[in-house]
Amino acid sequence: MNLYDNAPMEKGLFDGLRGKHSLQLVFLVSLALSNLFPAPTFATSWEYPFVVWNGYMYEVVDEKVSEVDRKIGQVTRYSDMETYAGNFSNAYEKGTNYWSIQNINTDEAIAVEVSDGVFKKALRRGEYGGGKYDYFSIVTKVIIVVVGGSCVSYFVLKKLKY
């Protein structure tokens, strides 16, 4: 017989945590971990009006274009408050057409049809990363929360000898 067999048991922090309560623990731990990694925020104003085409940002400048070649795309999403993936613009409405410019490579510039038959030059400024970061952040956050919540829950349940 052990000296401690008749001793009163101390109430542990996780005593009575079984079944549906363990799922509640996983949820609470995951919720707490998700708050450690807030979603990124983006500025609601930009230095200049732009359009995005084929993953590149083009700054729309105040220079008219008279000789366009062919239609190459259009704005698929507009917002002056948030960033989006795809052919996004912070200045031009959905449906605004993009055109190639005669004798100018699209790696250098494109034309934006600002009104019927009126085109402005848009100079390529570099790769657009606005929409890409959102998806990476969401996936990373989900992975951290799931793995972290599972690890904490595993150790709690192990302590309970579940």
Protein backbone atom coordinates (compact mmCIF):
# COMPACT_ATOMS: atom_id res chain seq x y z
CA MET A 1 0.00 0.00 0.00
CA ASN A 2 1.22 3.41 -0.93
CA LEU A 3 1.40 6.27 1.59
CA TYR A 4 -0.56 8.51 -0.78
CA ASP A 5 -3.40 6.08 -1.57
CA ASN A 6 -5.70 7.51 1.08
CA ALA A 7 -4.56 11.11 0.69
CA PRO A 8 -7.16 13.54 -0.69
CA MET A 9 -6.66 14.27 -4.40
CA GLU A 10 -5.80 17.82 -5.38
CA LYS A 11 -8.15 19.31 -7.93
CA GLY A 12 -6.18 20.01 -11.10
CA LEU A 13 -6.78 22.79 -13.60
CA PHE A 14 -8.04 20.42 -16.29
CA ASP A 15 -9.98 17.93 -14.14
CA GLY A 16 -13.35 17.14 -15.61
CA LEU A 17 -12.34 18.24 -19.12
CA ARG A 18 -13.67 15.39 -21.23
CA GLY A 19 -15.71 14.84 -24.41
CA LYS A 20 -17.39 17.95 -25.76
CA HIS A 21 -15.39 20.11 -23.35
CA SER A 22 -12.18 19.13 -25.11
CA LEU A 23 -13.63 20.44 -28.38
CA GLN A 24 -14.47 23.71 -26.64
CA LEU A 25 -10.86 23.90 -25.45
CA VAL A 26 -9.59 23.41 -29.01
CA PHE A 27 -11.93 26.18 -30.21
CA LEU A 28 -10.89 28.61 -27.47
CA VAL A 29 -7.17 27.96 -28.00
CA SER A 30 -7.58 28.40 -31.78
CA LEU A 31 -9.50 31.63 -31.27
CA ALA A 32 -6.81 32.96 -28.94
CA LEU A 33 -4.04 32.03 -31.40
CA SER A 34 -5.88 33.66 -34.31
CA ASN A 35 -5.87 36.96 -32.45
CA LEU A 36 -2.08 36.81 -32.17
CA PHE A 37 -1.81 37.07 -35.96
CA PRO A 38 -4.12 39.85 -37.15
CA ALA A 39 -4.92 40.18 -40.85
CA PRO A 40 -2.85 42.76 -42.71
CA THR A 41 -4.35 46.16 -43.36
CA PHE A 42 -3.75 48.23 -46.43
CA ALA A 43 -3.68 51.96 -47.01
CA THR A 44 -6.86 53.50 -48.34
CA SER A 45 -5.07 56.03 -50.50
CA TRP A 46 -2.39 55.74 -53.15
CA GLU A 47 0.23 58.07 -54.55
CA TYR A 48 -1.20 57.89 -58.05
CA PRO A 49 -4.04 56.37 -60.08
CA PHE A 50 -3.17 52.92 -61.42
CA VAL A 51 -4.43 49.84 -63.19
CA VAL A 52 -3.18 46.28 -62.88
CA TRP A 53 -2.78 44.11 -65.95
CA ASN A 54 -1.19 40.64 -66.13
CA GLY A 55 0.20 40.99 -62.59
CA TYR A 56 1.90 44.36 -63.18
CA MET A 57 0.99 47.82 -61.92
CA TYR A 58 0.73 50.65 -64.44
CA GLU A 59 0.60 54.28 -63.31
CA VAL A 60 -1.94 56.23 -65.35
CA VAL A 61 -0.29 59.54 -66.35
CA ASP A 62 -1.85 62.67 -67.81
CA GLU A 63 -0.67 61.94 -71.35
CA LYS A 64 -3.17 61.22 -74.10
CA VAL A 65 -2.59 58.39 -76.54
CA SER A 66 -3.86 58.75 -80.10
CA GLU A 67 -2.73 55.51 -81.74
CA VAL A 68 -3.88 52.35 -79.99
CA ASP A 69 -3.36 48.90 -81.48
CA ARG A 70 -5.72 46.31 -79.95
CA LYS A 71 -7.78 45.69 -76.84
CA ILE A 72 -5.79 43.60 -74.33
CA GLY A 73 -8.01 43.52 -71.24
CA GLN A 74 -10.19 45.47 -68.86
CA VAL A 75 -10.62 46.39 -65.21
CA THR A 76 -12.27 43.47 -63.40
CA ARG A 77 -12.39 45.05 -59.93
CA TYR A 78 -12.41 48.66 -58.70
CA SER A 79 -11.93 50.02 -55.20
CA ASP A 80 -10.44 53.15 -53.74
CA MET A 81 -10.44 51.55 -50.27
CA GLU A 82 -8.95 48.03 -50.60
CA THR A 83 -6.59 46.03 -52.80
CA TYR A 84 -7.65 43.06 -54.89
CA ALA A 85 -6.10 40.48 -57.18
CA GLY A 86 -6.64 40.44 -60.93
CA ASN A 87 -7.05 43.42 -63.25
CA PHE A 88 -7.65 45.82 -60.39
CA SER A 89 -7.79 49.64 -60.42
CA ASN A 90 -7.94 52.29 -57.74
CA ALA A 91 -9.24 54.91 -60.19
CA TYR A 92 -11.22 53.30 -63.02
CA GLU A 93 -14.51 51.44 -62.88
CA LYS A 94 -15.00 47.76 -63.70
CA GLY A 95 -15.18 47.34 -67.48
CA THR A 96 -12.67 50.10 -68.34
CA ASN A 97 -10.69 48.79 -71.32
CA TYR A 98 -6.92 48.39 -71.68
CA TRP A 99 -5.27 48.73 -75.08
CA SER A 100 -1.80 48.12 -76.45
CA ILE A 101 -0.16 51.24 -77.93
CA GLN A 102 1.21 51.18 -81.47
CA ASN A 103 5.01 50.84 -81.55
CA ILE A 104 5.29 50.57 -77.73
CA ASN A 105 5.85 47.27 -75.94
CA THR A 106 3.31 46.46 -73.19
CA ASP A 107 6.31 45.89 -70.87
CA GLU A 108 6.76 49.67 -71.06
CA ALA A 109 3.23 51.12 -71.27
CA ILE A 110 -0.41 50.46 -72.13
CA ALA A 111 -3.38 52.73 -72.87
CA VAL A 112 -6.44 53.04 -70.62
CA GLU A 113 -9.71 54.07 -72.29
CA VAL A 114 -10.86 56.80 -69.88
CA SER A 115 -13.94 57.67 -71.97
CA ASP A 116 -15.30 56.63 -75.35
CA GLY A 117 -12.36 56.90 -77.78
CA VAL A 118 -10.15 58.84 -75.28
CA PHE A 119 -7.03 57.04 -74.06
CA LYS A 120 -4.44 57.85 -71.38
CA LYS A 121 -0.99 56.33 -71.15
CA ALA A 122 -0.23 54.01 -68.23
CA LEU A 123 3.45 53.41 -67.47
CA ARG A 124 4.53 50.06 -66.05
CA ARG A 125 5.90 50.54 -62.51
CA GLY A 126 6.57 46.95 -61.49
CA GLU A 127 5.01 43.75 -60.27
CA TYR A 128 1.76 44.14 -58.36
CA GLY A 129 1.69 42.40 -54.99
CA GLY A 130 -1.53 43.71 -53.43
CA GLY A 131 -3.86 40.81 -54.10
CA LYS A 132 -1.21 38.11 -53.66
CA TYR A 133 -0.42 38.96 -50.03
CA ASP A 134 -4.04 38.53 -48.88
CA TYR A 135 -4.18 34.85 -49.81
CA PHE A 136 -0.78 34.06 -48.32
CA SER A 137 -1.73 35.72 -45.05
CA ILE A 138 -5.04 33.86 -44.76
CA VAL A 139 -3.50 30.45 -45.50
CA THR A 140 -0.61 31.08 -43.09
CA LYS A 141 -2.99 32.16 -40.34
CA VAL A 142 -5.20 29.08 -40.79
CA ILE A 143 -2.18 26.76 -40.66
CA ILE A 144 -0.81 28.40 -37.51
CA VAL A 145 -4.18 28.29 -35.76
CA VAL A 146 -4.89 24.66 -36.68
CA VAL A 147 -1.41 23.39 -35.80
CA GLY A 148 -1.15 25.52 -32.66
CA GLY A 149 -4.62 24.61 -31.44
CA SER A 150 -3.99 20.93 -32.10
CA CYS A 151 -0.65 20.97 -30.25
CA VAL A 152 -2.04 22.73 -27.20
CA SER A 153 -5.09 20.45 -27.15
CA TYR A 154 -2.88 17.35 -27.50
CA PHE A 155 -0.77 18.32 -24.49
CA VAL A 156 -3.82 19.21 -22.40
CA LEU A 157 -5.52 15.93 -23.24
CA LYS A 158 -2.28 14.04 -22.62
CA LYS A 159 -2.07 15.61 -19.17
CA LEU A 160 -5.61 14.38 -18.57
CA LYS A 161 -4.53 10.94 -19.78
CA TYR A 162 -7.49 11.00 -22.15
